[in-house]
Amino acid sequence: MTDIGAGIRGPLLTSGGRRLDTLFGVFELAEFRNLETHRSCFALVRGDLSGDAPVLARVHSSCVTSEFFGACDCDCAAQLDAALEAIAAEERGVLFYLGQEGRGAGLTAKARDRMLVQASRQRLTTFEAYEQMGLPPDLRRYDEVVAMTHLLGIEAPFELLTNNPDKVAALEREKLRIVRLRPIEHTASPFNVHYLSAKRRSGHVLADASATLDAELPEAVEPVEPEALPGRPELVRVARYLLPVRSAREGEPLALPSSAQTPIPVWLQLHLYIDVELGGELVVLTLEEGREGQEDVLVRVHPEPLLDRFPLRQASARSAWRGVVEALAVHGTGAVAFAHRSASGAATARERDGTLSDLLFHHLRGRRGIPLGVRGEFAFADALAERGVELAAPRWLDPVA
């Protein structure tokens, strides 16, 4: 295993490496902090990367909706898992994980993209939605990869795991040597075929999936303009769309390239808020299907640790989230708030809990709440009670290790 030491290169600072036990075996993890953007990026290393032999590599951009929430409307988690599996099979390689949601435009642009595409009933593509928002199709940068490569001591060229020839060209513009491209093969599903077909037409090396029919949205989506939360003008909702989320508990990777199984998702509503004072993005996922005569709403504040984006072997907040989705699907009505990592620094626990409780209070709309969680974590329930919310007896999830 490569010995990862402390170091700094350009704006990237790292304090060294540690072991990360994934479903594909143990990797050496190096976390890098960008001192300019205040964001983290990672390198997952397998084997000895010294020498001149080409290094199998994946340059991967973050996707919280698929990698943590389990959404199946894109192929990001499938590519992450497939890349780690390929590197593990060769016992030598590196995965660079960059905090570049929404092709570098950010989570807000990504959420509004999905909202516009769904509102058009899939007549718009993701690239056309970006154009409608006044954004270029891809804003990703790869200078962090150059700095990480230097700090890891990699001098060999890369065999790149990607379906995107434009990424190869962008990395070569950064003076990184790419000797070959290895596509990541996986099967399209009704939930991501529209997205993958748009990527294929833009030049990605993907199989023709025109025979796969798009999944029907369970309800119409109307685009929303930015709107402040009543009583909390600093909290502005910027997007709302439907997210198809896998509900099975995690005992294997979210997707494998050899899998032809079509996931059966739970359609959740994703509401994205911006805290204009603290600078963070806040996600609330709701289910409003309900049952006849039912008014009680499951409520929860759920952690979203950054490392849980990876397919970890041990129980995690991500695996616990699968249990939450199951509980929502069975009950039929619920609201779960998350604190997405802010580029400008995290809020204090008191500020975070109060803000997320206000978001849950808004989505309860006067109904009784049923706190859902593990024992000892109900600060949000206390905050809801202080706001006058009637609470039923809690329901318990298995503890997260």
Foldseek 3Di string as FASTA:
>chain_A
DQWFAWDDDQQWTWHTWDWFQFPLGIWIKIWIARNVLRDIKIKTWFDDQDDAPAAAEEEAEDDCCCLFQVFQQACRLQLQVQSSNVCSVVRGHMYIYHHQPQLNPDPLLVQLLQLVCLLVVNPDASQNSCVVVVHHNHDDADVVVVRVCVSSVRDYAHAYEFQDVVVVVRVVVVVGHHPYYDYQAADRALNHLSHVVVVVVVPGNYDDPVVHHHDGDPDRRDFDDWDADVPQNQKTWHHKDKTFHAQDQDPDRSDYRVDPDHGHGDIWIWIWIARNVQQFIKIKTKFQQADVPDQEAEEEEAEDDPVSSGRGNAFDSSSLSSVVRVVCVVRRTYMYMYTDDGSRHDDDPVVVLLVRLSVRLSVSVQTAYAYEEAPPPVPNVVNVVVVVHHYDYHHYTPDTD
